[in-house]
């Protein structure tokens, strides 16, 4: 299993989710199973199976998050004011496509390409980290393909409001 790289804030958010799932969601799920079981014949009791599935999903999520914390490496989210770092919003120019895009640099558990959040583990994230405005950066996708982009701006005002990805 790959070791996740997490910031202190990632760890705190995971710990908060685990606590919420154990103290709030777990008792609700157990009660829903009890109520559904009390309705009688379990062989055709949709509510019972739905409640059991919900309870099992919650327990699975708790195990997933606890395991992530056990195996994670905690990294710093500090970076100099003139370089790309975690939670920064970076505007880049793609030479090949003659297009400009903005990406937020995040840890892998917050990555979501549909929302232009790129992980520090991704090819773009790896290429951008520690670089500066005006740098021309080569992004290595694989052994056969790479492309160039230019860093146009770095916005240091990003936060870690994004949810932690599912499993």
C-alpha atoms as a PDB file:
ATOM      1  CA  UNK A   1       0.000   0.000   0.000  1.00  0.00           C
ATOM      2  CA  UNK A   2       1.327   3.407  -0.932  1.00  0.00           C
ATOM      3  CA  UNK A   3       1.985   5.769   1.919  1.00  0.00           C
ATOM      4  CA  UNK A   4      -0.228   8.839   1.752  1.00  0.00           C
ATOM      5  CA  UNK A   5       1.432  12.191   2.232  1.00  0.00           C
ATOM      6  CA  UNK A   6      -0.726  14.219   4.602  1.00  0.00           C
ATOM      7  CA  UNK A   7      -0.434  17.668   6.120  1.00  0.00           C
ATOM      8  CA  UNK A   8      -1.178  18.258   9.805  1.00  0.00           C
ATOM      9  CA  UNK A   9      -4.526  19.725   8.706  1.00  0.00           C
ATOM     10  CA  UNK A  10      -5.283  16.563   6.685  1.00  0.00           C
ATOM     11  CA  UNK A  11      -4.612  14.465   9.785  1.00  0.00           C
ATOM     12  CA  UNK A  12      -6.875  16.686  11.904  1.00  0.00           C
ATOM     13  CA  UNK A  13      -9.683  16.487   9.346  1.00  0.00           C
ATOM     14  CA  UNK A  14      -9.397  12.685   9.156  1.00  0.00           C
ATOM     15  CA  UNK A  15      -9.405  12.415  12.961  1.00  0.00           C
ATOM     16  CA  UNK A  16     -12.526  14.629  13.101  1.00  0.00           C
ATOM     17  CA  UNK A  17     -14.292  12.475  10.516  1.00  0.00           C
ATOM     18  CA  UNK A  18     -13.397   9.272  12.395  1.00  0.00           C
ATOM     19  CA  UNK A  19     -14.671  10.743  15.667  1.00  0.00           C
ATOM     20  CA  UNK A  20     -17.924  11.902  14.014  1.00  0.00           C
ATOM     21  CA  UNK A  21     -18.453   8.508  12.398  1.00  0.00           C
ATOM     22  CA  UNK A  22     -17.837   6.680  15.701  1.00  0.00           C
ATOM     23  CA  UNK A  23     -19.825   8.988  17.989  1.00  0.00           C
ATOM     24  CA  UNK A  24     -22.684  10.096  15.705  1.00  0.00           C
ATOM     25  CA  UNK A  25     -23.030   7.940  12.599  1.00  0.00           C
ATOM     26  CA  UNK A  26     -22.303   4.554  14.239  1.00  0.00           C
ATOM     27  CA  UNK A  27     -25.036   4.847  16.936  1.00  0.00           C
ATOM     28  CA  UNK A  28     -27.528   6.091  14.311  1.00  0.00           C
ATOM     29  CA  UNK A  29     -26.695   3.167  12.022  1.00  0.00           C
ATOM     30  CA  UNK A  30     -26.979   0.614  14.850  1.00  0.00           C
ATOM     31  CA  UNK A  31     -30.353   2.048  15.862  1.00  0.00           C
ATOM     32  CA  UNK A  32     -31.580   1.933  12.231  1.00  0.00           C
ATOM     33  CA  UNK A  33     -30.640  -1.778  12.035  1.00  0.00           C
ATOM     34  CA  UNK A  34     -32.470  -2.481  15.324  1.00  0.00           C
ATOM     35  CA  UNK A  35     -35.586  -0.656  14.139  1.00  0.00           C
ATOM     36  CA  UNK A  36     -35.605  -2.437  10.786  1.00  0.00           C
ATOM     37  CA  UNK A  37     -35.022  -5.825  12.454  1.00  0.00           C
ATOM     38  CA  UNK A  38     -38.003  -5.190  14.735  1.00  0.00           C
ATOM     39  CA  UNK A  39     -40.278  -4.993  11.676  1.00  0.00           C
ATOM     40  CA  UNK A  40     -40.315  -8.767  11.450  1.00  0.00           C
ATOM     41  CA  UNK A  41     -39.533 -11.044   8.493  1.00  0.00           C
ATOM     42  CA  UNK A  42     -35.950 -10.245   7.466  1.00  0.00           C
ATOM     43  CA  UNK A  43     -36.104 -12.200   4.184  1.00  0.00           C
ATOM     44  CA  UNK A  44     -38.108  -9.437   2.479  1.00  0.00           C
ATOM     45  CA  UNK A  45     -37.181  -6.489   4.662  1.00  0.00           C
ATOM     46  CA  UNK A  46     -35.560  -3.886   2.399  1.00  0.00           C
ATOM     47  CA  UNK A  47     -35.121  -1.420   5.275  1.00  0.00           C
ATOM     48  CA  UNK A  48     -33.110  -4.005   7.210  1.00  0.00           C
ATOM     49  CA  UNK A  49     -30.711  -4.648   4.320  1.00  0.00           C
ATOM     50  CA  UNK A  50     -30.364  -0.928   3.585  1.00  0.00           C
ATOM     51  CA  UNK A  51     -29.632  -0.203   7.261  1.00  0.00           C
ATOM     52  CA  UNK A  52     -27.058  -3.037   7.413  1.00  0.00           C
ATOM     53  CA  UNK A  53     -25.379  -1.766   4.240  1.00  0.00           C
ATOM     54  CA  UNK A  54     -25.213   1.777   5.631  1.00  0.00           C
ATOM     55  CA  UNK A  55     -23.756   0.494   8.921  1.00  0.00           C
ATOM     56  CA  UNK A  56     -21.150  -1.602   7.064  1.00  0.00           C
ATOM     57  CA  UNK A  57     -20.202   1.314   4.795  1.00  0.00           C
ATOM     58  CA  UNK A  58     -19.636   3.501   7.842  1.00  0.00           C
ATOM     59  CA  UNK A  59     -17.459   0.852   9.503  1.00  0.00           C
ATOM     60  CA  UNK A  60     -15.516   0.407   6.260  1.00  0.00           C
ATOM     61  CA  UNK A  61     -14.889   4.147   6.014  1.00  0.00           C
ATOM     62  CA  UNK A  62     -13.659   4.222   9.635  1.00  0.00           C
ATOM     63  CA  UNK A  63     -11.220   1.346   8.941  1.00  0.00           C
ATOM     64  CA  UNK A  64     -10.043   3.019   5.709  1.00  0.00           C
ATOM     65  CA  UNK A  65      -9.336   6.335   7.464  1.00  0.00           C
ATOM     66  CA  UNK A  66      -7.668   4.714  10.491  1.00  0.00           C
ATOM     67  CA  UNK A  67      -5.420   2.676   8.207  1.00  0.00           C
ATOM     68  CA  UNK A  68      -4.558   5.802   6.211  1.00  0.00           C
ATOM     69  CA  UNK A  69      -3.452   7.543   9.406  1.00  0.00           C
ATOM     70  CA  UNK A  70      -1.355   4.536  10.500  1.00  0.00           C
ATOM     71  CA  UNK A  71       0.574   4.400   7.234  1.00  0.00           C
ATOM     72  CA  UNK A  72       0.757   8.105   6.322  1.00  0.00           C
ATOM     73  CA  UNK A  73       3.759  10.362   6.169  1.00  0.00           C
ATOM     74  CA  UNK A  74       3.116  13.836   7.609  1.00  0.00           C
ATOM     75  CA  UNK A  75       4.550  16.574   5.407  1.00  0.00           C
ATOM     76  CA  UNK A  76       4.861  20.323   5.802  1.00  0.00           C
ATOM     77  CA  UNK A  77       2.608  22.644   3.859  1.00  0.00           C
ATOM     78  CA  UNK A  78       5.038  25.537   4.210  1.00  0.00           C
ATOM     79  CA  UNK A  79       6.573  27.091   1.111  1.00  0.00           C
ATOM     80  CA  UNK A  80       8.392  30.317   0.326  1.00  0.00           C
ATOM     81  CA  UNK A  81       6.281  33.239  -0.823  1.00  0.00           C
ATOM     82  CA  UNK A  82       7.670  33.079  -4.363  1.00  0.00           C
ATOM     83  CA  UNK A  83       7.420  29.328  -4.997  1.00  0.00           C
ATOM     84  CA  UNK A  84       4.635  26.839  -5.676  1.00  0.00           C
ATOM     85  CA  UNK A  85       3.577  24.931  -2.567  1.00  0.00           C
ATOM     86  CA  UNK A  86       0.644  23.044  -1.111  1.00  0.00           C
ATOM     87  CA  UNK A  87      -2.767  24.772  -1.290  1.00  0.00           C
ATOM     88  CA  UNK A  88      -1.492  27.361  -3.770  1.00  0.00           C
ATOM     89  CA  UNK A  89      -3.529  28.218  -6.832  1.00  0.00           C
ATOM     90  CA  UNK A  90      -1.234  28.231  -9.838  1.00  0.00           C
ATOM     91  CA  UNK A  91      -2.024  29.677 -13.242  1.00  0.00           C
ATOM     92  CA  UNK A  92      -0.162  27.829 -15.976  1.00  0.00           C
ATOM     93  CA  UNK A  93       0.135  28.282 -19.730  1.00  0.00           C
ATOM     94  CA  UNK A  94       0.133  25.115 -21.843  1.00  0.00           C
ATOM     95  CA  UNK A  95       2.409  25.808 -24.814  1.00  0.00           C
ATOM     96  CA  UNK A  96       1.150  22.837 -26.835  1.00  0.00           C
ATOM     97  CA  UNK A  97      -2.509  23.881 -26.555  1.00  0.00           C
ATOM     98  CA  UNK A  98      -2.051  27.659 -26.315  1.00  0.00           C
ATOM     99  CA  UNK A  99      -4.347  27.602 -23.254  1.00  0.00           C
ATOM    100  CA  UNK A 100      -4.185  28.872 -19.694  1.00  0.00           C
ATOM    101  CA  UNK A 101      -5.561  26.922 -16.716  1.00  0.00           C
ATOM    102  CA  UNK A 102      -5.619  27.365 -12.954  1.00  0.00           C
ATOM    103  CA  UNK A 103      -4.864  24.476 -10.617  1.00  0.00           C
ATOM    104  CA  UNK A 104      -4.832  24.173  -6.870  1.00  0.00           C
ATOM    105  CA  UNK A 105      -1.959  22.056  -5.544  1.00  0.00           C
ATOM    106  CA  UNK A 106      -3.213  19.595  -2.895  1.00  0.00           C
ATOM    107  CA  UNK A 107      -2.284  16.355  -1.159  1.00  0.00           C
ATOM    108  CA  UNK A 108      -3.428  13.197  -2.910  1.00  0.00           C
ATOM    109  CA  UNK A 109      -6.414  12.683  -0.589  1.00  0.00           C
ATOM    110  CA  UNK A 110      -7.849  16.017  -1.736  1.00  0.00           C
ATOM    111  CA  UNK A 111      -7.059  15.650  -5.430  1.00  0.00           C
ATOM    112  CA  UNK A 112      -9.960  16.046  -7.868  1.00  0.00           C
ATOM    113  CA  UNK A 113      -9.158  16.749 -11.497  1.00  0.00           C
ATOM    114  CA  UNK A 114     -12.786  17.656 -12.225  1.00  0.00           C
ATOM    115  CA  UNK A 115     -12.371  20.607  -9.844  1.00  0.00           C
ATOM    116  CA  UNK A 116      -8.830  21.501 -11.029  1.00  0.00           C
ATOM    117  CA  UNK A 117      -7.263  20.254  -7.797  1.00  0.00           C
ATOM    118  CA  UNK A 118      -4.047  18.449  -8.676  1.00  0.00           C
ATOM    119  CA  UNK A 119      -2.174  16.209  -6.308  1.00  0.00           C
ATOM    120  CA  UNK A 120       1.477  16.653  -5.447  1.00  0.00           C
ATOM    121  CA  UNK A 121       1.779  13.026  -6.610  1.00  0.00           C
ATOM    122  CA  UNK A 122       0.458  13.777 -10.123  1.00  0.00           C
ATOM    123  CA  UNK A 123       2.763  14.607 -13.041  1.00  0.00           C
ATOM    124  CA  UNK A 124       1.677  18.272 -13.031  1.00  0.00           C
ATOM    125  CA  UNK A 125       1.888  18.518  -9.241  1.00  0.00           C
ATOM    126  CA  UNK A 126       5.380  17.024  -9.157  1.00  0.00           C
ATOM    127  CA  UNK A 127       6.539  19.370 -11.926  1.00  0.00           C
ATOM    128  CA  UNK A 128       5.136  22.515 -10.284  1.00  0.00           C
ATOM    129  CA  UNK A 129       6.173  22.051  -6.650  1.00  0.00           C
ATOM    130  CA  UNK A 130       8.928  24.460  -5.622  1.00  0.00           C
ATOM    131  CA  UNK A 131       8.946  26.285  -8.956  1.00  0.00           C
ATOM    132  CA  UNK A 132       8.505  30.042  -9.550  1.00  0.00           C
ATOM    133  CA  UNK A 133       6.508  32.454 -11.706  1.00  0.00           C
ATOM    134  CA  UNK A 134       8.042  32.541 -15.185  1.00  0.00           C
ATOM    135  CA  UNK A 135       9.525  29.035 -14.954  1.00  0.00           C
ATOM    136  CA  UNK A 136       9.094  26.819 -18.000  1.00  0.00           C
ATOM    137  CA  UNK A 137       8.373  23.365 -16.626  1.00  0.00           C
ATOM    138  CA  UNK A 138       8.477  19.977 -18.348  1.00  0.00           C
ATOM    139  CA  UNK A 139       5.698  17.647 -17.237  1.00  0.00           C
ATOM    140  CA  UNK A 140       6.633  13.977 -17.673  1.00  0.00           C
ATOM    141  CA  UNK A 141       3.495  11.909 -18.218  1.00  0.00           C
ATOM    142  CA  UNK A 142       5.306   8.668 -19.079  1.00  0.00           C
ATOM    143  CA  UNK A 143       8.499   7.518 -20.828  1.00  0.00           C
ATOM    144  CA  UNK A 144       7.075   8.392 -24.240  1.00  0.00           C
ATOM    145  CA  UNK A 145       5.261  11.665 -23.596  1.00  0.00           C
ATOM    146  CA  UNK A 146       5.919  14.950 -21.860  1.00  0.00           C
ATOM    147  CA  UNK A 147       4.877  18.542 -22.443  1.00  0.00           C
ATOM    148  CA  UNK A 148       5.847  22.037 -21.344  1.00  0.00           C
ATOM    149  CA  UNK A 149       3.968  24.661 -19.427  1.00  0.00           C
ATOM    150  CA  UNK A 150       4.856  28.051 -18.029  1.00  0.00           C
ATOM    151  CA  UNK A 151       3.929  29.267 -14.565  1.00  0.00           C
ATOM    152  CA  UNK A 152       2.081  32.568 -14.975  1.00  0.00           C
ATOM    153  CA  UNK A 153       1.050  33.266 -11.363  1.00  0.00           C
ATOM    154  CA  UNK A 154       0.970  31.810  -7.856  1.00  0.00           C
ATOM    155  CA  UNK A 155      -1.881  32.655  -5.473  1.00  0.00           C
ATOM    156  CA  UNK A 156      -0.930  31.822  -1.879  1.00  0.00           C
ATOM    157  CA  UNK A 157      -4.437  32.396  -0.455  1.00  0.00           C
ATOM    158  CA  UNK A 158      -5.687  28.814  -0.839  1.00  0.00           C
ATOM    159  CA  UNK A 159      -7.174  26.876   2.070  1.00  0.00           C
ATOM    160  CA  UNK A 160      -7.811  23.186   2.806  1.00  0.00           C
ATOM    161  CA  UNK A 161     -11.620  23.262   2.669  1.00  0.00           C
ATOM    162  CA  UNK A 162     -11.921  20.336   0.286  1.00  0.00           C
ATOM    163  CA  UNK A 163     -13.317  17.018   1.391  1.00  0.00           C
ATOM    164  CA  UNK A 164     -11.151  13.962   1.721  1.00  0.00           C
ATOM    165  CA  UNK A 165     -11.782  11.597  -1.168  1.00  0.00           C
ATOM    166  CA  UNK A 166     -13.803   8.448  -0.722  1.00  0.00           C
ATOM    167  CA  UNK A 167     -12.549   4.907  -1.030  1.00  0.00           C
END
